[in-house]
Amino acid sequence: MPKRAILVVDLQNEYWPTGNFSLVGIEAATANAARVMAHGRAKGDLVVSIRHEIPGGSMFIPGTEGAEINTAVLPQDDEPVITKNYPNSFRKTGLKKLLDQHDVDEVVITGAMSHMCVDATTRAANDLGYRTVTVHDACATRDLEFGGITTPAAQVHAALMAALAFMYGKVISTEEFLTH
């Protein structure tokens, strides 16, 4: 059986309706991420929380409430927390070193935003040789606008998950994950 890590990407207060950048379905996605974390802990998986900070930015400002991990998915005991400044959770962080120290060969990805940090982290993990599993209903995003066209969050999310499932690993539901 592969040595597995649960990556909880950017489930921070900034994404809640009280934050500066709320996401569609963040509460449901976070509830599912908490279930994934609990299942992983029970199975002995490494659970890694990832926090995005943007020094000098307009959101995810270090030291603010918005940059804090939401209480629904707080790390337990000595679980590692990786702080990043880029969408890719591996870029200029110790994430790969941490996973390699624990002999991880499979990563399970939850978090926000589906079309940004979840996407970048999943693709990077795959490129680095990890088997990837993205738990689609434990991720959230928002409506996007380009060229005067607004794409609803559900369509953004579906398109992204379809792309990840095509070449970057498995994409499954929380219920499917809980059977493993």
N, C-alpha and C. Protein backbone atom coordinates (compact mmCIF):
# COMPACT_ATOMS: atom_id res chain seq x y z
N MET A 1 0.84 -1.18 0.00
CA MET A 1 0.00 0.00 0.00
C MET A 1 0.89 1.24 0.00
N PRO A 2 0.54 2.22 -0.82
CA PRO A 2 1.39 3.42 -0.88
C PRO A 2 1.37 4.20 0.42
N LYS A 3 2.48 4.87 0.70
CA LYS A 3 2.56 5.78 1.83
C LYS A 3 1.91 7.08 1.37
N ARG A 4 0.92 7.52 2.11
CA ARG A 4 0.04 8.58 1.64
C ARG A 4 0.14 9.83 2.52
N ALA A 5 -0.02 10.98 1.87
CA ALA A 5 -0.13 12.26 2.58
C ALA A 5 -1.39 12.96 2.12
N ILE A 6 -2.07 13.58 3.07
CA ILE A 6 -3.24 14.41 2.78
C ILE A 6 -2.75 15.85 2.75
N LEU A 7 -2.91 16.53 1.63
CA LEU A 7 -2.53 17.94 1.51
C LEU A 7 -3.78 18.79 1.58
N VAL A 8 -3.84 19.68 2.55
CA VAL A 8 -4.98 20.57 2.76
C VAL A 8 -4.52 21.95 2.34
N VAL A 9 -4.89 22.34 1.12
CA VAL A 9 -4.34 23.53 0.48
C VAL A 9 -5.22 24.76 0.73
N ASP A 10 -4.69 25.71 1.46
CA ASP A 10 -5.25 27.07 1.56
C ASP A 10 -6.69 27.15 2.05
N LEU A 11 -7.10 26.30 2.94
CA LEU A 11 -8.44 26.45 3.51
C LEU A 11 -8.36 27.48 4.64
N GLN A 12 -8.24 28.72 4.21
CA GLN A 12 -7.99 29.85 5.09
C GLN A 12 -9.21 30.78 5.13
N ASN A 13 -9.31 31.52 6.20
CA ASN A 13 -10.47 32.38 6.44
C ASN A 13 -10.73 33.39 5.33
N GLU A 14 -9.74 33.75 4.57
CA GLU A 14 -9.91 34.72 3.49
C GLU A 14 -10.98 34.28 2.49
N TYR A 15 -11.18 32.96 2.37
CA TYR A 15 -12.12 32.42 1.39
C TYR A 15 -13.55 32.32 1.89
N TRP A 16 -13.80 32.65 3.15
CA TRP A 16 -15.16 32.60 3.70
C TRP A 16 -15.89 33.90 3.40
N PRO A 17 -17.20 33.90 3.49
CA PRO A 17 -17.97 35.13 3.22
C PRO A 17 -17.51 36.34 4.04
N THR A 18 -16.91 36.11 5.20
CA THR A 18 -16.40 37.21 6.02
C THR A 18 -15.00 37.65 5.59
N GLY A 19 -14.39 36.91 4.67
CA GLY A 19 -13.04 37.24 4.19
C GLY A 19 -13.09 38.18 3.00
N ASN A 20 -11.95 38.36 2.39
CA ASN A 20 -11.83 39.28 1.25
C ASN A 20 -12.02 38.62 -0.11
N PHE A 21 -12.20 37.30 -0.16
CA PHE A 21 -12.22 36.61 -1.45
C PHE A 21 -13.06 35.34 -1.34
N SER A 22 -14.33 35.49 -1.01
CA SER A 22 -15.15 34.32 -0.72
C SER A 22 -15.35 33.42 -1.94
N LEU A 23 -15.44 32.13 -1.65
CA LEU A 23 -15.60 31.12 -2.69
C LEU A 23 -16.98 30.48 -2.60
N VAL A 24 -17.47 30.04 -3.73
CA VAL A 24 -18.73 29.32 -3.80
C VAL A 24 -18.54 27.94 -3.19
N GLY A 25 -19.36 27.59 -2.22
CA GLY A 25 -19.32 26.26 -1.63
C GLY A 25 -18.16 25.99 -0.69
N ILE A 26 -17.53 27.03 -0.16
CA ILE A 26 -16.36 26.83 0.69
C ILE A 26 -16.70 26.03 1.95
N GLU A 27 -17.87 26.26 2.53
CA GLU A 27 -18.23 25.56 3.77
C GLU A 27 -18.37 24.05 3.52
N ALA A 28 -19.06 23.67 2.47
CA ALA A 28 -19.24 22.24 2.15
C ALA A 28 -17.91 21.59 1.79
N ALA A 29 -17.09 22.28 1.02
CA ALA A 29 -15.79 21.73 0.65
C ALA A 29 -14.92 21.53 1.88
N THR A 30 -14.97 22.47 2.80
CA THR A 30 -14.16 22.37 4.01
C THR A 30 -14.66 21.25 4.91
N ALA A 31 -15.98 21.09 5.01
CA ALA A 31 -16.52 19.98 5.79
C ALA A 31 -16.04 18.65 5.22
N ASN A 32 -16.00 18.53 3.91
CA ASN A 32 -15.49 17.30 3.29
C ASN A 32 -13.99 17.15 3.51
N ALA A 33 -13.25 18.24 3.42
CA ALA A 33 -11.81 18.17 3.68
C ALA A 33 -11.55 17.71 5.12
N ALA A 34 -12.37 18.15 6.07
CA ALA A 34 -12.22 17.72 7.46
C ALA A 34 -12.47 16.21 7.58
N ARG A 35 -13.41 15.70 6.82
CA ARG A 35 -13.68 14.25 6.82
C ARG A 35 -12.49 13.49 6.21
N VAL A 36 -11.92 14.03 5.15
CA VAL A 36 -10.75 13.41 4.52
C VAL A 36 -9.59 13.40 5.51
N MET A 37 -9.38 14.52 6.20
CA MET A 37 -8.30 14.61 7.19
C MET A 37 -8.50 13.58 8.31
N ALA A 38 -9.70 13.49 8.83
CA ALA A 38 -9.98 12.55 9.93
C ALA A 38 -9.74 11.11 9.48
N HIS A 39 -10.19 10.78 8.27
CA HIS A 39 -9.98 9.42 7.74
C HIS A 39 -8.49 9.15 7.56
N GLY A 40 -7.79 10.13 7.01
CA GLY A 40 -6.34 9.97 6.82
C GLY A 40 -5.61 9.78 8.14
N ARG A 41 -5.98 10.58 9.14
CA ARG A 41 -5.36 10.42 10.46
C ARG A 41 -5.59 9.03 11.01
N ALA A 42 -6.83 8.53 10.88
CA ALA A 42 -7.17 7.20 11.39
C ALA A 42 -6.38 6.11 10.69
N LYS A 43 -6.02 6.35 9.43
CA LYS A 43 -5.25 5.37 8.65
C LYS A 43 -3.74 5.54 8.82
N GLY A 44 -3.32 6.58 9.55
CA GLY A 44 -1.89 6.81 9.75
C GLY A 44 -1.23 7.63 8.66
N ASP A 45 -2.03 8.31 7.84
CA ASP A 45 -1.47 9.15 6.78
C ASP A 45 -0.87 10.42 7.37
N LEU A 46 0.10 10.96 6.69
CA LEU A 46 0.66 12.26 7.03
C LEU A 46 -0.35 13.32 6.59
N VAL A 47 -0.73 14.22 7.49
CA VAL A 47 -1.65 15.31 7.14
C VAL A 47 -0.84 16.59 7.16
N VAL A 48 -0.83 17.29 6.02
CA VAL A 48 -0.05 18.52 5.87
C VAL A 48 -0.99 19.67 5.51
N SER A 49 -0.99 20.69 6.35
CA SER A 49 -1.76 21.90 6.04
C SER A 49 -0.86 22.89 5.32
N ILE A 50 -1.43 23.55 4.32
CA ILE A 50 -0.67 24.51 3.52
C ILE A 50 -1.37 25.85 3.61
N ARG A 51 -0.60 26.88 3.93
CA ARG A 51 -1.13 28.24 4.07
C ARG A 51 -0.51 29.14 3.02
N HIS A 52 -1.34 29.93 2.38
CA HIS A 52 -0.86 30.91 1.41
C HIS A 52 -0.71 32.25 2.11
N GLU A 53 0.41 32.90 1.94
CA GLU A 53 0.61 34.25 2.44
C GLU A 53 1.11 35.11 1.28
N ILE A 54 0.64 36.35 1.27
CA ILE A 54 1.08 37.30 0.24
C ILE A 54 1.59 38.55 0.95
N PRO A 55 2.87 38.57 1.34
CA PRO A 55 3.40 39.77 1.99
C PRO A 55 3.22 41.00 1.11
N GLY A 56 2.65 42.05 1.68
CA GLY A 56 2.43 43.29 0.92
C GLY A 56 1.22 43.23 0.01
N GLY A 57 0.47 42.12 0.03
CA GLY A 57 -0.69 41.98 -0.85
C GLY A 57 -1.95 42.56 -0.23
N SER A 58 -3.06 42.37 -0.91
CA SER A 58 -4.34 42.87 -0.42
C SER A 58 -5.15 41.77 0.27
N MET A 59 -4.66 40.56 0.27
CA MET A 59 -5.29 39.45 0.98
C MET A 59 -4.21 38.45 1.36
N PHE A 60 -4.57 37.51 2.23
CA PHE A 60 -3.60 36.54 2.77
C PHE A 60 -2.38 37.24 3.35
N ILE A 61 -2.63 38.36 4.01
CA ILE A 61 -1.56 39.15 4.60
C ILE A 61 -1.08 38.45 5.88
N PRO A 62 0.22 38.18 5.96
CA PRO A 62 0.73 37.49 7.15
C PRO A 62 0.28 38.19 8.43
N GLY A 63 -0.12 37.36 9.41
CA GLY A 63 -0.52 37.89 10.70
C GLY A 63 -1.97 38.34 10.81
N THR A 64 -2.73 38.24 9.71
CA THR A 64 -4.14 38.66 9.75
C THR A 64 -5.05 37.45 9.91
N GLU A 65 -6.27 37.71 10.34
CA GLU A 65 -7.28 36.66 10.49
C GLU A 65 -7.52 35.94 9.16
N GLY A 66 -7.53 36.68 8.07
CA GLY A 66 -7.77 36.09 6.75
C GLY A 66 -6.72 35.06 6.36
N ALA A 67 -5.50 35.23 6.82
CA ALA A 67 -4.42 34.30 6.47
C ALA A 67 -4.41 33.06 7.35
N GLU A 68 -5.23 33.04 8.39
CA GLU A 68 -5.26 31.90 9.30
C GLU A 68 -6.03 30.73 8.69
N ILE A 69 -5.62 29.52 9.03
CA ILE A 69 -6.33 28.31 8.62
C ILE A 69 -7.69 28.30 9.32
N ASN A 70 -8.73 27.96 8.60
CA ASN A 70 -10.07 27.93 9.18
C ASN A 70 -10.14 26.89 10.29
N THR A 71 -10.90 27.20 11.33
CA THR A 71 -10.97 26.33 12.51
C THR A 71 -11.51 24.93 12.18
N ALA A 72 -12.27 24.78 11.12
CA ALA A 72 -12.83 23.47 10.76
C ALA A 72 -11.75 22.47 10.33
N VAL A 73 -10.59 22.98 9.93
CA VAL A 73 -9.53 22.10 9.41
C VAL A 73 -8.17 22.41 10.05
N LEU A 74 -8.19 22.82 11.30
CA LEU A 74 -6.93 23.12 11.97
C LEU A 74 -6.05 21.88 12.08
N PRO A 75 -4.74 22.06 11.93
CA PRO A 75 -3.84 20.93 12.14
C PRO A 75 -3.90 20.48 13.59
N GLN A 76 -3.65 19.19 13.80
CA GLN A 76 -3.62 18.63 15.15
C GLN A 76 -2.20 18.35 15.58
N ASP A 77 -1.99 18.50 16.88
CA ASP A 77 -0.72 18.14 17.51
C ASP A 77 0.47 18.69 16.74
N ASP A 78 1.32 17.80 16.25
CA ASP A 78 2.54 18.23 15.57
C ASP A 78 2.45 18.10 14.05
N GLU A 79 1.23 18.11 13.52
CA GLU A 79 1.11 18.03 12.06
C GLU A 79 1.77 19.24 11.42
N PRO A 80 2.51 19.00 10.34
CA PRO A 80 3.24 20.10 9.70
C PRO A 80 2.33 21.09 8.98
N VAL A 81 2.79 22.34 8.98
CA VAL A 81 2.14 23.42 8.23
C VAL A 81 3.21 24.01 7.32
N ILE A 82 2.91 24.06 6.04
CA ILE A 82 3.80 24.65 5.04
C ILE A 82 3.23 26.01 4.66
N THR A 83 4.05 27.04 4.71
CA THR A 83 3.64 28.37 4.27
C THR A 83 4.23 28.61 2.89
N LYS A 84 3.39 29.07 1.98
CA LYS A 84 3.84 29.30 0.60
C LYS A 84 3.46 30.70 0.16
N ASN A 85 4.13 31.16 -0.88
CA ASN A 85 3.85 32.47 -1.46
C ASN A 85 3.44 32.38 -2.93
N TYR A 86 3.28 31.18 -3.44
CA TYR A 86 2.94 30.95 -4.85
C TYR A 86 1.80 29.94 -4.92
N PRO A 87 1.09 29.88 -6.04
CA PRO A 87 0.02 28.88 -6.17
C PRO A 87 0.51 27.43 -6.01
N ASN A 88 1.67 27.11 -6.54
CA ASN A 88 2.24 25.77 -6.45
C ASN A 88 2.80 25.57 -5.03
N SER A 89 2.24 24.65 -4.30
CA SER A 89 2.66 24.41 -2.91
C SER A 89 4.08 23.88 -2.79
N PHE A 90 4.67 23.43 -3.87
CA PHE A 90 6.04 22.93 -3.84
C PHE A 90 7.07 24.03 -4.11
N ARG A 91 6.65 25.12 -4.74
CA ARG A 91 7.59 26.16 -5.17
C ARG A 91 8.15 26.93 -3.97
N LYS A 92 9.45 26.82 -3.81
CA LYS A 92 10.19 27.53 -2.75
C LYS A 92 9.65 27.23 -1.35
N THR A 93 9.25 25.97 -1.14
CA THR A 93 8.82 25.51 0.18
C THR A 93 9.56 24.21 0.50
N GLY A 94 9.36 23.71 1.67
CA GLY A 94 9.96 22.44 2.08
C GLY A 94 9.02 21.27 1.90
N LEU A 95 7.95 21.42 1.10
CA LEU A 95 6.96 20.36 0.97
C LEU A 95 7.55 19.07 0.39
N LYS A 96 8.28 19.15 -0.69
CA LYS A 96 8.85 17.94 -1.29
C LYS A 96 9.79 17.25 -0.31
N LYS A 97 10.63 18.00 0.34
CA LYS A 97 11.55 17.43 1.32
C LYS A 97 10.78 16.72 2.44
N LEU A 98 9.72 17.34 2.93
CA LEU A 98 8.90 16.74 3.97
C LEU A 98 8.28 15.42 3.50
N LEU A 99 7.69 15.44 2.31
CA LEU A 99 7.07 14.22 1.77
C LEU A 99 8.11 13.12 1.58
N ASP A 100 9.26 13.50 1.06
CA ASP A 100 10.31 12.50 0.84
C ASP A 100 10.84 11.94 2.17
N GLN A 101 10.94 12.78 3.20
CA GLN A 101 11.38 12.30 4.52
C GLN A 101 10.42 11.25 5.08
N HIS A 102 9.16 11.35 4.70
CA HIS A 102 8.15 10.41 5.17
C HIS A 102 7.87 9.29 4.16
N ASP A 103 8.70 9.21 3.11
CA ASP A 103 8.57 8.18 2.08
C ASP A 103 7.20 8.18 1.41
N VAL A 104 6.61 9.34 1.26
CA VAL A 104 5.30 9.47 0.63
C VAL A 104 5.43 9.24 -0.86
N ASP A 105 4.52 8.45 -1.41
CA ASP A 105 4.48 8.30 -2.87
C ASP A 105 3.11 8.61 -3.45
N GLU A 106 2.13 8.89 -2.57
CA GLU A 106 0.79 9.27 -3.04
C GLU A 106 0.31 10.48 -2.23
N VAL A 107 -0.19 11.49 -2.92
CA VAL A 107 -0.75 12.65 -2.25
C VAL A 107 -2.23 12.76 -2.58
N VAL A 108 -3.00 13.10 -1.55
CA VAL A 108 -4.44 13.33 -1.68
C VAL A 108 -4.64 14.81 -1.46
N ILE A 109 -5.24 15.48 -2.44
CA ILE A 109 -5.30 16.94 -2.43
C ILE A 109 -6.72 17.43 -2.23
N THR A 110 -6.86 18.34 -1.27
CA THR A 110 -8.11 19.03 -0.98
C THR A 110 -7.79 20.51 -0.90
N GLY A 111 -8.82 21.38 -0.98
CA GLY A 111 -8.54 22.79 -0.71
C GLY A 111 -9.09 23.77 -1.70
N ALA A 112 -8.39 24.89 -1.77
CA ALA A 112 -8.86 26.03 -2.56
C ALA A 112 -7.67 26.73 -3.21
N MET A 113 -7.89 27.38 -4.24
CA MET A 113 -9.01 27.36 -5.16
C MET A 113 -8.77 26.27 -6.20
N SER A 114 -9.84 25.63 -6.61
CA SER A 114 -9.73 24.53 -7.58
C SER A 114 -8.91 24.93 -8.79
N HIS A 115 -9.21 26.11 -9.33
CA HIS A 115 -8.59 26.52 -10.60
C HIS A 115 -7.21 27.16 -10.43
N MET A 116 -6.74 27.29 -9.21
CA MET A 116 -5.46 27.96 -9.00
C MET A 116 -4.51 27.07 -8.19
N CYS A 117 -4.56 27.13 -6.89
CA CYS A 117 -3.58 26.43 -6.05
C CYS A 117 -3.78 24.93 -6.03
N VAL A 118 -5.02 24.46 -6.06
CA VAL A 118 -5.26 23.01 -6.15
C VAL A 118 -4.71 22.49 -7.48
N ASP A 119 -5.00 23.19 -8.56
CA ASP A 119 -4.51 22.81 -9.88
C ASP A 119 -2.98 22.80 -9.91
N ALA A 120 -2.37 23.90 -9.49
CA ALA A 120 -0.90 24.02 -9.54
C ALA A 120 -0.23 22.96 -8.68
N THR A 121 -0.78 22.70 -7.51
CA THR A 121 -0.18 21.71 -6.60
C THR A 121 -0.35 20.30 -7.13
N THR A 122 -1.52 19.99 -7.67
CA THR A 122 -1.75 18.65 -8.23
C THR A 122 -0.82 18.39 -9.40
N ARG A 123 -0.72 19.33 -10.30
CA ARG A 123 0.15 19.14 -11.47
C ARG A 123 1.61 19.02 -11.06
N ALA A 124 2.04 19.85 -10.10
CA ALA A 124 3.43 19.78 -9.64
C ALA A 124 3.71 18.45 -8.96
N ALA A 125 2.78 17.98 -8.13
CA ALA A 125 2.96 16.69 -7.46
C ALA A 125 3.11 15.57 -8.49
N ASN A 126 2.27 15.59 -9.50
CA ASN A 126 2.35 14.59 -10.56
C ASN A 126 3.69 14.69 -11.29
N ASP A 127 4.09 15.91 -11.62
CA ASP A 127 5.36 16.12 -12.31
C ASP A 127 6.55 15.63 -11.48
N LEU A 128 6.42 15.71 -10.15
CA LEU A 128 7.49 15.26 -9.26
C LEU A 128 7.46 13.75 -9.01
N GLY A 129 6.48 13.06 -9.60
CA GLY A 129 6.44 11.61 -9.52
C GLY A 129 5.51 11.04 -8.46
N TYR A 130 4.76 11.87 -7.77
CA TYR A 130 3.80 11.36 -6.79
C TYR A 130 2.53 10.92 -7.51
N ARG A 131 1.93 9.85 -7.03
CA ARG A 131 0.58 9.53 -7.48
C ARG A 131 -0.33 10.57 -6.86
N THR A 132 -1.29 11.06 -7.62
CA THR A 132 -2.16 12.11 -7.10
C THR A 132 -3.61 11.67 -7.11
N VAL A 133 -4.30 12.07 -6.04
CA VAL A 133 -5.73 11.88 -5.92
C VAL A 133 -6.28 13.24 -5.50
N THR A 134 -7.17 13.80 -6.28
CA THR A 134 -7.82 15.05 -5.92
C THR A 134 -9.25 14.72 -5.50
N VAL A 135 -9.63 15.20 -4.33
CA VAL A 135 -10.98 14.96 -3.82
C VAL A 135 -11.83 16.15 -4.24
N HIS A 136 -12.58 15.97 -5.32
CA HIS A 136 -13.23 17.10 -5.99
C HIS A 136 -14.23 17.83 -5.12
N ASP A 137 -14.97 17.15 -4.27
CA ASP A 137 -15.97 17.85 -3.46
C ASP A 137 -15.39 18.34 -2.14
N ALA A 138 -14.07 18.25 -1.99
CA ALA A 138 -13.36 18.85 -0.87
C ALA A 138 -12.51 20.01 -1.38
N CYS A 139 -12.93 20.56 -2.52
CA CYS A 139 -12.26 21.72 -3.14
C CYS A 139 -13.33 22.74 -3.51
N ALA A 140 -12.94 24.00 -3.56
CA ALA A 140 -13.88 25.07 -3.92
C ALA A 140 -13.20 26.10 -4.81
N THR A 141 -14.05 26.83 -5.53
CA THR A 141 -13.55 27.89 -6.39
C THR A 141 -14.58 29.02 -6.45
N ARG A 142 -14.49 29.85 -7.44
CA ARG A 142 -15.41 30.98 -7.58
C ARG A 142 -15.71 31.21 -9.05
N ASP A 143 -16.69 32.06 -9.33
CA ASP A 143 -16.96 32.46 -10.70
C ASP A 143 -15.72 33.15 -11.25
N LEU A 144 -15.46 32.95 -12.54
CA LEU A 144 -14.35 33.63 -13.20
C LEU A 144 -14.87 34.44 -14.37
N GLU A 145 -14.19 35.51 -14.65
CA GLU A 145 -14.58 36.38 -15.76
C GLU A 145 -13.38 36.56 -16.67
N PHE A 146 -13.63 36.45 -17.98
CA PHE A 146 -12.60 36.72 -18.97
C PHE A 146 -13.27 37.21 -20.25
N GLY A 147 -12.78 38.28 -20.76
CA GLY A 147 -13.30 38.80 -22.03
C GLY A 147 -14.78 39.13 -21.99
N GLY A 148 -15.27 39.56 -20.83
CA GLY A 148 -16.67 39.91 -20.71
C GLY A 148 -17.59 38.72 -20.51
N ILE A 149 -17.03 37.53 -20.36
CA ILE A 149 -17.81 36.32 -20.15
C ILE A 149 -17.57 35.82 -18.73
N THR A 150 -18.65 35.63 -17.99
CA THR A 150 -18.54 35.08 -16.64
C THR A 150 -18.86 33.60 -16.68
N THR A 151 -17.94 32.82 -16.13
CA THR A 151 -18.13 31.38 -16.05
C THR A 151 -18.45 31.03 -14.60
N PRO A 152 -19.60 30.41 -14.35
CA PRO A 152 -19.98 30.07 -12.98
C PRO A 152 -18.98 29.11 -12.33
N ALA A 153 -18.86 29.22 -11.03
CA ALA A 153 -17.91 28.41 -10.26
C ALA A 153 -18.07 26.92 -10.54
N ALA A 154 -19.30 26.43 -10.63
CA ALA A 154 -19.52 25.00 -10.88
C ALA A 154 -18.89 24.56 -12.20
N GLN A 155 -18.97 25.42 -13.21
CA GLN A 155 -18.38 25.07 -14.50
C GLN A 155 -16.86 25.19 -14.46
N VAL A 156 -16.35 26.19 -13.77
CA VAL A 156 -14.90 26.33 -13.59
C VAL A 156 -14.36 25.07 -12.92
N HIS A 157 -15.01 24.69 -11.84
CA HIS A 157 -14.58 23.53 -11.06
C HIS A 157 -14.65 22.25 -11.90
N ALA A 158 -15.75 22.04 -12.61
CA ALA A 158 -15.92 20.84 -13.41
C ALA A 158 -14.86 20.75 -14.52
N ALA A 159 -14.60 21.86 -15.18
CA ALA A 159 -13.59 21.87 -16.24
C ALA A 159 -12.21 21.53 -15.69
N LEU A 160 -11.90 22.11 -14.54
CA LEU A 160 -10.59 21.87 -13.93
C LEU A 160 -10.45 20.42 -13.50
N MET A 161 -11.48 19.88 -12.85
CA MET A 161 -11.40 18.49 -12.40
C MET A 161 -11.31 17.53 -13.58
N ALA A 162 -12.02 17.84 -14.67
CA ALA A 162 -11.93 17.02 -15.88
C ALA A 162 -10.51 17.03 -16.43
N ALA A 163 -9.88 18.19 -16.44
CA ALA A 163 -8.50 18.28 -16.93
C ALA A 163 -7.54 17.50 -16.04
N LEU A 164 -7.70 17.62 -14.73
CA LEU A 164 -6.83 16.87 -13.82
C LEU A 164 -7.03 15.36 -13.99
N ALA A 165 -8.28 14.93 -14.11
CA ALA A 165 -8.58 13.51 -14.26
C ALA A 165 -8.04 12.95 -15.58
N PHE A 166 -7.90 13.80 -16.59
CA PHE A 166 -7.44 13.35 -17.90
C PHE A 166 -6.00 12.87 -17.85
N MET A 167 -5.11 13.59 -17.15
CA MET A 167 -3.69 13.24 -17.19
C MET A 167 -2.95 13.37 -15.86
N TYR A 168 -3.58 13.89 -14.83
CA TYR A 168 -2.84 14.21 -13.61
C TYR A 168 -3.27 13.40 -12.39
N GLY A 169 -3.89 12.27 -12.58
CA GLY A 169 -4.22 11.41 -11.47
C GLY A 169 -5.71 11.19 -11.33
N LYS A 170 -6.07 10.55 -10.22
CA LYS A 170 -7.48 10.28 -9.96
C LYS A 170 -8.17 11.52 -9.41
N VAL A 171 -9.43 11.64 -9.75
CA VAL A 171 -10.30 12.66 -9.17
C VAL A 171 -11.52 11.92 -8.65
N ILE A 172 -11.71 11.96 -7.32
CA ILE A 172 -12.75 11.18 -6.68
C ILE A 172 -13.55 12.04 -5.70
N SER A 173 -14.66 11.51 -5.23
CA SER A 173 -15.48 12.20 -4.22
C SER A 173 -14.97 11.85 -2.82
N THR A 174 -15.44 12.60 -1.86
CA THR A 174 -15.14 12.29 -0.46
C THR A 174 -15.61 10.89 -0.11
N GLU A 175 -16.83 10.55 -0.52
CA GLU A 175 -17.37 9.22 -0.20
C GLU A 175 -16.48 8.12 -0.79
N GLU A 176 -16.00 8.30 -1.99
CA GLU A 176 -15.09 7.31 -2.59
C GLU A 176 -13.80 7.22 -1.77
N PHE A 177 -13.26 8.37 -1.37
CA PHE A 177 -12.04 8.36 -0.60
C PHE A 177 -12.21 7.62 0.73
N LEU A 178 -13.35 7.81 1.37
CA LEU A 178 -13.58 7.20 2.68
C LEU A 178 -13.64 5.68 2.62
N THR A 179 -13.79 5.11 1.43
CA THR A 179 -13.80 3.65 1.30
C THR A 179 -12.39 3.08 1.16
N HIS A 180 -11.39 3.94 1.07
CA HIS A 180 -9.99 3.47 0.90
C HIS A 180 -9.28 3.43 2.23
